[in-house]
Amino acid sequence: MAGHHNNSLAMDPALVKYANMYVNRYKFFRWTPRTAWINFAYVVAIPSVVGYLAYTTDGKWDFRGKRRGDIIAEF
C-alpha cells in the first residue's frame, strides 16, 4: 500500500557531500591571501566605488516631470 517507506528517495552522493560542505563551511574556513583579497573587494572596494559614483552624480539627472524634447541633465 502507499505507506511511508524509509529512504524511498535515492539521494545523489554529490548533492549530499555538497550539502554537508555547505553546512560545515565555517569549521574549515582559513584566512588566505585569496580570501583576504576577496573579502576586501566585497567589503571595502566595491561599496567605495559605488558610493563615490553615487556621490559624484547626485542630482545630475532628473527623470521626473520631463516632456518630449527636454534634456535630462540639470547642469
PDB file of N, CA and C in Angstrom:
ATOM      1  N   MET A   1       0.838  -1.174   0.000  1.00  0.00           N
ATOM      2  CA  MET A   1       0.000   0.000   0.000  1.00  0.00           C
ATOM      3  C   MET A   1       0.888   1.244   0.000  1.00  0.00           C
ATOM      4  N   ALA A   2       0.273   2.379   0.111  1.00  0.00           N
ATOM      5  CA  ALA A   2       1.004   3.640  -0.008  1.00  0.00           C
ATOM      6  C   ALA A   2       1.465   4.138   1.356  1.00  0.00           C
ATOM      7  N   GLY A   3       2.201   3.323   2.049  1.00  0.00           N
ATOM      8  CA  GLY A   3       2.705   3.725   3.353  1.00  0.00           C
ATOM      9  C   GLY A   3       3.962   4.566   3.233  1.00  0.00           C
ATOM     10  N   HIS A   4       4.430   5.060   4.357  1.00  0.00           N
ATOM     11  CA  HIS A   4       5.657   5.851   4.376  1.00  0.00           C
ATOM     12  C   HIS A   4       6.839   4.900   4.495  1.00  0.00           C
ATOM     13  N   HIS A   5       7.588   4.795   3.436  1.00  0.00           N
ATOM     14  CA  HIS A   5       8.749   3.923   3.439  1.00  0.00           C
ATOM     15  C   HIS A   5       9.992   4.750   3.722  1.00  0.00           C
ATOM     16  N   ASN A   6      10.842   4.232   4.551  1.00  0.00           N
ATOM     17  CA  ASN A   6      12.080   4.936   4.862  1.00  0.00           C
ATOM     18  C   ASN A   6      13.029   4.867   3.679  1.00  0.00           C
ATOM     19  N   ASN A   7      13.685   5.978   3.396  1.00  0.00           N
ATOM     20  CA  ASN A   7      14.678   6.074   2.328  1.00  0.00           C
ATOM     21  C   ASN A   7      14.106   5.648   0.976  1.00  0.00           C
ATOM     22  N   SER A   8      12.915   6.094   0.670  1.00  0.00           N
ATOM     23  CA  SER A   8      12.331   5.746  -0.616  1.00  0.00           C
ATOM     24  C   SER A   8      12.924   6.580  -1.746  1.00  0.00           C
ATOM     25  N   LEU A   9      13.579   7.678  -1.411  1.00  0.00           N
ATOM     26  CA  LEU A   9      14.199   8.532  -2.417  1.00  0.00           C
ATOM     27  C   LEU A   9      15.699   8.298  -2.402  1.00  0.00           C
ATOM     28  N   ALA A  10      16.255   7.958  -3.547  1.00  0.00           N
ATOM     29  CA  ALA A  10      17.696   7.737  -3.634  1.00  0.00           C
ATOM     30  C   ALA A  10      18.391   9.091  -3.684  1.00  0.00           C
ATOM     31  N   MET A  11      19.267   9.345  -2.721  1.00  0.00           N
ATOM     32  CA  MET A  11      19.982  10.611  -2.643  1.00  0.00           C
ATOM     33  C   MET A  11      21.228  10.558  -3.511  1.00  0.00           C
ATOM     34  N   ASP A  12      21.488  11.643  -4.215  1.00  0.00           N
ATOM     35  CA  ASP A  12      22.689  11.757  -5.034  1.00  0.00           C
ATOM     36  C   ASP A  12      23.882  12.002  -4.105  1.00  0.00           C
ATOM     37  N   PRO A  13      24.912  11.160  -4.140  1.00  0.00           N
ATOM     38  CA  PRO A  13      26.044  11.330  -3.227  1.00  0.00           C
ATOM     39  C   PRO A  13      26.746  12.679  -3.388  1.00  0.00           C
ATOM     40  N   ALA A  14      26.790  13.214  -4.594  1.00  0.00           N
ATOM     41  CA  ALA A  14      27.433  14.507  -4.798  1.00  0.00           C
ATOM     42  C   ALA A  14      26.643  15.623  -4.123  1.00  0.00           C
ATOM     43  N   LEU A  15      25.310  15.555  -4.180  1.00  0.00           N
ATOM     44  CA  LEU A  15      24.498  16.571  -3.517  1.00  0.00           C
ATOM     45  C   LEU A  15      24.575  16.459  -2.002  1.00  0.00           C
ATOM     46  N   VAL A  16      24.652  15.254  -1.491  1.00  0.00           N
ATOM     47  CA  VAL A  16      24.796  15.060  -0.051  1.00  0.00           C
ATOM     48  C   VAL A  16      26.132  15.618   0.419  1.00  0.00           C
ATOM     49  N   LYS A  17      27.190  15.367  -0.342  1.00  0.00           N
ATOM     50  CA  LYS A  17      28.515  15.885   0.002  1.00  0.00           C
ATOM     51  C   LYS A  17      28.521  17.411  -0.034  1.00  0.00           C
ATOM     52  N   TYR A  18      27.886  18.002  -1.050  1.00  0.00           N
ATOM     53  CA  TYR A  18      27.816  19.456  -1.150  1.00  0.00           C
ATOM     54  C   TYR A  18      27.017  20.041   0.006  1.00  0.00           C
ATOM     55  N   ALA A  19      25.912  19.412   0.376  1.00  0.00           N
ATOM     56  CA  ALA A  19      25.096  19.910   1.482  1.00  0.00           C
ATOM     57  C   ALA A  19      25.876  19.880   2.789  1.00  0.00           C
ATOM     58  N   ASN A  20      26.624  18.806   3.019  1.00  0.00           N
ATOM     59  CA  ASN A  20      27.437  18.730   4.233  1.00  0.00           C
ATOM     60  C   ASN A  20      28.539  19.782   4.225  1.00  0.00           C
ATOM     61  N   MET A  21      29.150  20.014   3.065  1.00  0.00           N
ATOM     62  CA  MET A  21      30.189  21.032   2.968  1.00  0.00           C
ATOM     63  C   MET A  21      29.603  22.416   3.235  1.00  0.00           C
ATOM     64  N   TYR A  22      28.413  22.685   2.709  1.00  0.00           N
ATOM     65  CA  TYR A  22      27.778  23.986   2.878  1.00  0.00           C
ATOM     66  C   TYR A  22      27.443  24.242   4.345  1.00  0.00           C
ATOM     67  N   VAL A  23      26.968  23.225   5.043  1.00  0.00           N
ATOM     68  CA  VAL A  23      26.596  23.375   6.446  1.00  0.00           C
ATOM     69  C   VAL A  23      27.831  23.560   7.325  1.00  0.00           C
ATOM     70  N   ASN A  24      28.914  22.863   7.028  1.00  0.00           N
ATOM     71  CA  ASN A  24      30.111  22.891   7.873  1.00  0.00           C
ATOM     72  C   ASN A  24      31.211  23.802   7.335  1.00  0.00           C
ATOM     73  N   ARG A  25      30.877  24.730   6.459  1.00  0.00           N
ATOM     74  CA  ARG A  25      31.903  25.575   5.837  1.00  0.00           C
ATOM     75  C   ARG A  25      32.658  26.403   6.864  1.00  0.00           C
ATOM     76  N   TYR A  26      31.989  26.918   7.873  1.00  0.00           N
ATOM     77  CA  TYR A  26      32.645  27.777   8.854  1.00  0.00           C
ATOM     78  C   TYR A  26      33.706  27.026   9.655  1.00  0.00           C
ATOM     79  N   LYS A  27      33.588  25.726   9.758  1.00  0.00           N
ATOM     80  CA  LYS A  27      34.561  24.950  10.529  1.00  0.00           C
ATOM     81  C   LYS A  27      35.897  24.827   9.816  1.00  0.00           C
ATOM     82  N   PHE A  28      35.888  24.932   8.494  1.00  0.00           N
ATOM     83  CA  PHE A  28      37.098  24.696   7.719  1.00  0.00           C
ATOM     84  C   PHE A  28      37.630  25.952   7.046  1.00  0.00           C
ATOM     85  N   PHE A  29      37.057  27.122   7.360  1.00  0.00           N
ATOM     86  CA  PHE A  29      37.493  28.361   6.717  1.00  0.00           C
ATOM     87  C   PHE A  29      38.843  28.797   7.265  1.00  0.00           C
ATOM     88  N   ARG A  30      39.720  29.224   6.366  1.00  0.00           N
ATOM     89  CA  ARG A  30      41.025  29.759   6.756  1.00  0.00           C
ATOM     90  C   ARG A  30      41.252  31.056   6.002  1.00  0.00           C
ATOM     91  N   TRP A  31      41.874  32.019   6.681  1.00  0.00           N
ATOM     92  CA  TRP A  31      42.250  33.257   6.002  1.00  0.00           C
ATOM     93  C   TRP A  31      43.501  33.001   5.183  1.00  0.00           C
ATOM     94  N   THR A  32      43.375  33.161   3.892  1.00  0.00           N
ATOM     95  CA  THR A  32      44.497  33.046   2.974  1.00  0.00           C
ATOM     96  C   THR A  32      44.585  34.370   2.216  1.00  0.00           C
ATOM     97  N   PRO A  33      45.666  34.611   1.491  1.00  0.00           N
ATOM     98  CA  PRO A  33      45.718  35.850   0.704  1.00  0.00           C
ATOM     99  C   PRO A  33      44.542  35.987  -0.271  1.00  0.00           C
ATOM    100  N   ARG A  34      44.109  34.892  -0.846  1.00  0.00           N
ATOM    101  CA  ARG A  34      42.981  34.954  -1.785  1.00  0.00           C
ATOM    102  C   ARG A  34      41.695  35.340  -1.066  1.00  0.00           C
ATOM    103  N   THR A  35      41.394  34.712   0.072  1.00  0.00           N
ATOM    104  CA  THR A  35      40.159  35.040   0.780  1.00  0.00           C
ATOM    105  C   THR A  35      40.217  36.451   1.352  1.00  0.00           C
ATOM    106  N   ALA A  36      41.411  36.909   1.729  1.00  0.00           N
ATOM    107  CA  ALA A  36      41.543  38.274   2.234  1.00  0.00           C
ATOM    108  C   ALA A  36      41.250  39.292   1.134  1.00  0.00           C
ATOM    109  N   TRP A  37      41.763  39.067  -0.075  1.00  0.00           N
ATOM    110  CA  TRP A  37      41.502  39.987  -1.177  1.00  0.00           C
ATOM    111  C   TRP A  37      40.039  39.970  -1.583  1.00  0.00           C
ATOM    112  N   ILE A  38      39.430  38.805  -1.607  1.00  0.00           N
ATOM    113  CA  ILE A  38      38.002  38.725  -1.944  1.00  0.00           C
ATOM    114  C   ILE A  38      37.180  39.466  -0.899  1.00  0.00           C
ATOM    115  N   ASN A  39      37.512  39.271   0.376  1.00  0.00           N
ATOM    116  CA  ASN A  39      36.815  39.963   1.450  1.00  0.00           C
ATOM    117  C   ASN A  39      36.993  41.473   1.325  1.00  0.00           C
ATOM    118  N   PHE A  40      38.212  41.919   1.045  1.00  0.00           N
ATOM    119  CA  PHE A  40      38.474  43.346   0.870  1.00  0.00           C
ATOM    120  C   PHE A  40      37.667  43.913  -0.291  1.00  0.00           C
ATOM    121  N   ALA A  41      37.605  43.174  -1.382  1.00  0.00           N
ATOM    122  CA  ALA A  41      36.878  43.657  -2.556  1.00  0.00           C
ATOM    123  C   ALA A  41      35.395  43.827  -2.263  1.00  0.00           C
ATOM    124  N   TYR A  42      34.785  42.859  -1.610  1.00  0.00           N
ATOM    125  CA  TYR A  42      33.348  42.923  -1.371  1.00  0.00           C
ATOM    126  C   TYR A  42      32.963  43.812  -0.200  1.00  0.00           C
ATOM    127  N   VAL A  43      33.858  44.012   0.762  1.00  0.00           N
ATOM    128  CA  VAL A  43      33.518  44.799   1.947  1.00  0.00           C
ATOM    129  C   VAL A  43      33.944  46.254   1.805  1.00  0.00           C
ATOM    130  N   VAL A  44      35.059  46.521   1.113  1.00  0.00           N
ATOM    131  CA  VAL A  44      35.592  47.881   1.048  1.00  0.00           C
ATOM    132  C   VAL A  44      35.561  48.448  -0.371  1.00  0.00           C
ATOM    133  N   ALA A  45      36.166  47.758  -1.318  1.00  0.00           N
ATOM    134  CA  ALA A  45      36.395  48.334  -2.644  1.00  0.00           C
ATOM    135  C   ALA A  45      35.096  48.592  -3.413  1.00  0.00           C
ATOM    136  N   ILE A  46      34.256  47.599  -3.547  1.00  0.00           N
ATOM    137  CA  ILE A  46      33.034  47.754  -4.338  1.00  0.00           C
ATOM    138  C   ILE A  46      32.076  48.769  -3.707  1.00  0.00           C
ATOM    139  N   PRO A  47      31.811  48.717  -2.391  1.00  0.00           N
ATOM    140  CA  PRO A  47      30.954  49.760  -1.816  1.00  0.00           C
ATOM    141  C   PRO A  47      31.552  51.164  -1.933  1.00  0.00           C
ATOM    142  N   SER A  48      32.875  51.285  -1.866  1.00  0.00           N
ATOM    143  CA  SER A  48      33.503  52.598  -2.019  1.00  0.00           C
ATOM    144  C   SER A  48      33.305  53.144  -3.423  1.00  0.00           C
ATOM    145  N   VAL A  49      33.485  52.307  -4.427  1.00  0.00           N
ATOM    146  CA  VAL A  49      33.303  52.749  -5.813  1.00  0.00           C
ATOM    147  C   VAL A  49      31.849  53.131  -6.064  1.00  0.00           C
ATOM    148  N   VAL A  50      30.927  52.322  -5.589  1.00  0.00           N
ATOM    149  CA  VAL A  50      29.506  52.630  -5.779  1.00  0.00           C
ATOM    150  C   VAL A  50      29.140  53.911  -5.036  1.00  0.00           C
ATOM    151  N   GLY A  51      29.642  54.088  -3.826  1.00  0.00           N
ATOM    152  CA  GLY A  51      29.384  55.315  -3.073  1.00  0.00           C
ATOM    153  C   GLY A  51      29.960  56.542  -3.748  1.00  0.00           C
ATOM    154  N   TYR A  52      31.169  56.427  -4.283  1.00  0.00           N
ATOM    155  CA  TYR A  52      31.785  57.550  -4.990  1.00  0.00           C
ATOM    156  C   TYR A  52      30.981  57.926  -6.225  1.00  0.00           C
ATOM    157  N   LEU A  53      30.578  56.922  -7.002  1.00  0.00           N
ATOM    158  CA  LEU A  53      29.772  57.209  -8.188  1.00  0.00           C
ATOM    159  C   LEU A  53      28.426  57.830  -7.818  1.00  0.00           C
ATOM    160  N   ALA A  54      27.821  57.359  -6.750  1.00  0.00           N
ATOM    161  CA  ALA A  54      26.544  57.923  -6.320  1.00  0.00           C
ATOM    162  C   ALA A  54      26.724  59.361  -5.843  1.00  0.00           C
ATOM    163  N   TYR A  55      27.807  59.629  -5.136  1.00  0.00           N
ATOM    164  CA  TYR A  55      28.050  60.978  -4.622  1.00  0.00           C
ATOM    165  C   TYR A  55      28.344  61.963  -5.750  1.00  0.00           C
ATOM    166  N   THR A  56      29.134  61.538  -6.735  1.00  0.00           N
ATOM    167  CA  THR A  56      29.505  62.459  -7.811  1.00  0.00           C
ATOM    168  C   THR A  56      28.361  62.723  -8.781  1.00  0.00           C
ATOM    169  N   THR A  57      27.415  61.821  -8.900  1.00  0.00           N
ATOM    170  CA  THR A  57      26.304  62.028  -9.831  1.00  0.00           C
ATOM    171  C   THR A  57      25.016  62.406  -9.115  1.00  0.00           C
ATOM    172  N   ASP A  58      25.088  62.754  -7.838  1.00  0.00           N
ATOM    173  CA  ASP A  58      23.892  63.100  -7.077  1.00  0.00           C
ATOM    174  C   ASP A  58      23.274  64.383  -7.626  1.00  0.00           C
ATOM    175  N   GLY A  59      22.030  64.320  -8.033  1.00  0.00           N
ATOM    176  CA  GLY A  59      21.318  65.477  -8.549  1.00  0.00           C
ATOM    177  C   GLY A  59      21.660  65.852  -9.976  1.00  0.00           C
ATOM    178  N   LYS A  60      22.437  65.068 -10.653  1.00  0.00           N
ATOM    179  CA  LYS A  60      22.836  65.413 -12.012  1.00  0.00           C
ATOM    180  C   LYS A  60      21.710  65.188 -13.009  1.00  0.00           C
ATOM    181  N   TRP A  61      20.923  64.175 -12.813  1.00  0.00           N
ATOM    182  CA  TRP A  61      19.828  63.871 -13.718  1.00  0.00           C
ATOM    183  C   TRP A  61      18.514  63.863 -12.955  1.00  0.00           C
ATOM    184  N   ASP A  62      17.476  64.321 -13.622  1.00  0.00           N
ATOM    185  CA  ASP A  62      16.147  64.307 -13.036  1.00  0.00           C
ATOM    186  C   ASP A  62      15.198  63.722 -14.072  1.00  0.00           C
ATOM    187  N   PHE A  63      14.677  62.557 -13.798  1.00  0.00           N
ATOM    188  CA  PHE A  63      13.819  61.866 -14.758  1.00  0.00           C
ATOM    189  C   PHE A  63      12.338  62.171 -14.547  1.00  0.00           C
ATOM    190  N   ARG A  64      11.990  62.835 -13.474  1.00  0.00           N
ATOM    191  CA  ARG A  64      10.587  63.099 -13.191  1.00  0.00           C
ATOM    192  C   ARG A  64      10.148  64.405 -13.849  1.00  0.00           C
ATOM    193  N   GLY A  65       8.983  64.406 -14.401  1.00  0.00           N
ATOM    194  CA  GLY A  65       8.396  65.618 -14.953  1.00  0.00           C
ATOM    195  C   GLY A  65       9.015  66.095 -16.250  1.00  0.00           C
ATOM    196  N   LYS A  66       9.636  65.219 -16.984  1.00  0.00           N
ATOM    197  CA  LYS A  66      10.235  65.619 -18.252  1.00  0.00           C
ATOM    198  C   LYS A  66       9.235  65.387 -19.380  1.00  0.00           C
ATOM    199  N   ARG A  67       9.332  66.251 -20.368  1.00  0.00           N
ATOM    200  CA  ARG A  67       8.489  66.108 -21.544  1.00  0.00           C
ATOM    201  C   ARG A  67       9.363  65.861 -22.754  1.00  0.00           C
ATOM    202  N   ARG A  68       8.741  65.533 -23.849  1.00  0.00           N
ATOM    203  CA  ARG A  68       9.482  65.276 -25.074  1.00  0.00           C
ATOM    204  C   ARG A  68      10.260  66.532 -25.471  1.00  0.00           C
ATOM    205  N   GLY A  69      11.541  66.346 -25.723  1.00  0.00           N
ATOM    206  CA  GLY A  69      12.388  67.461 -26.112  1.00  0.00           C
ATOM    207  C   GLY A  69      13.170  68.066 -24.963  1.00  0.00           C
ATOM    208  N   ASP A  70      12.759  67.822 -23.713  1.00  0.00           N
ATOM    209  CA  ASP A  70      13.503  68.341 -22.563  1.00  0.00           C
ATOM    210  C   ASP A  70      14.768  67.525 -22.372  1.00  0.00           C
ATOM    211  N   ILE A  71      15.812  68.166 -21.872  1.00  0.00           N
ATOM    212  CA  ILE A  71      17.041  67.443 -21.576  1.00  0.00           C
ATOM    213  C   ILE A  71      16.970  66.911 -20.152  1.00  0.00           C
ATOM    214  N   ILE A  72      17.653  65.785 -19.899  1.00  0.00           N
ATOM    215  CA  ILE A  72      17.596  65.208 -18.559  1.00  0.00           C
ATOM    216  C   ILE A  72      18.693  65.750 -17.661  1.00  0.00           C
ATOM    217  N   ALA A  73      19.728  66.371 -18.250  1.00  0.00           N
ATOM    218  CA  ALA A  73      20.811  66.917 -17.436  1.00  0.00           C
ATOM    219  C   ALA A  73      20.343  68.216 -16.799  1.00  0.00           C
ATOM    220  N   GLU A  74      20.545  68.355 -15.505  1.00  0.00           N
ATOM    221  CA  GLU A  74      20.130  69.548 -14.786  1.00  0.00           C
ATOM    222  C   GLU A  74      21.211  70.615 -14.785  1.00  0.00           C
ATOM    223  N   PHE A  75      22.455  70.235 -15.001  1.00  0.00           N
ATOM    224  CA  PHE A  75      23.544  71.226 -15.027  1.00  0.00           C
ATOM    225  C   PHE A  75      24.565  70.845 -16.060  1.00  0.00           C
TER     226      PHE A  75
END
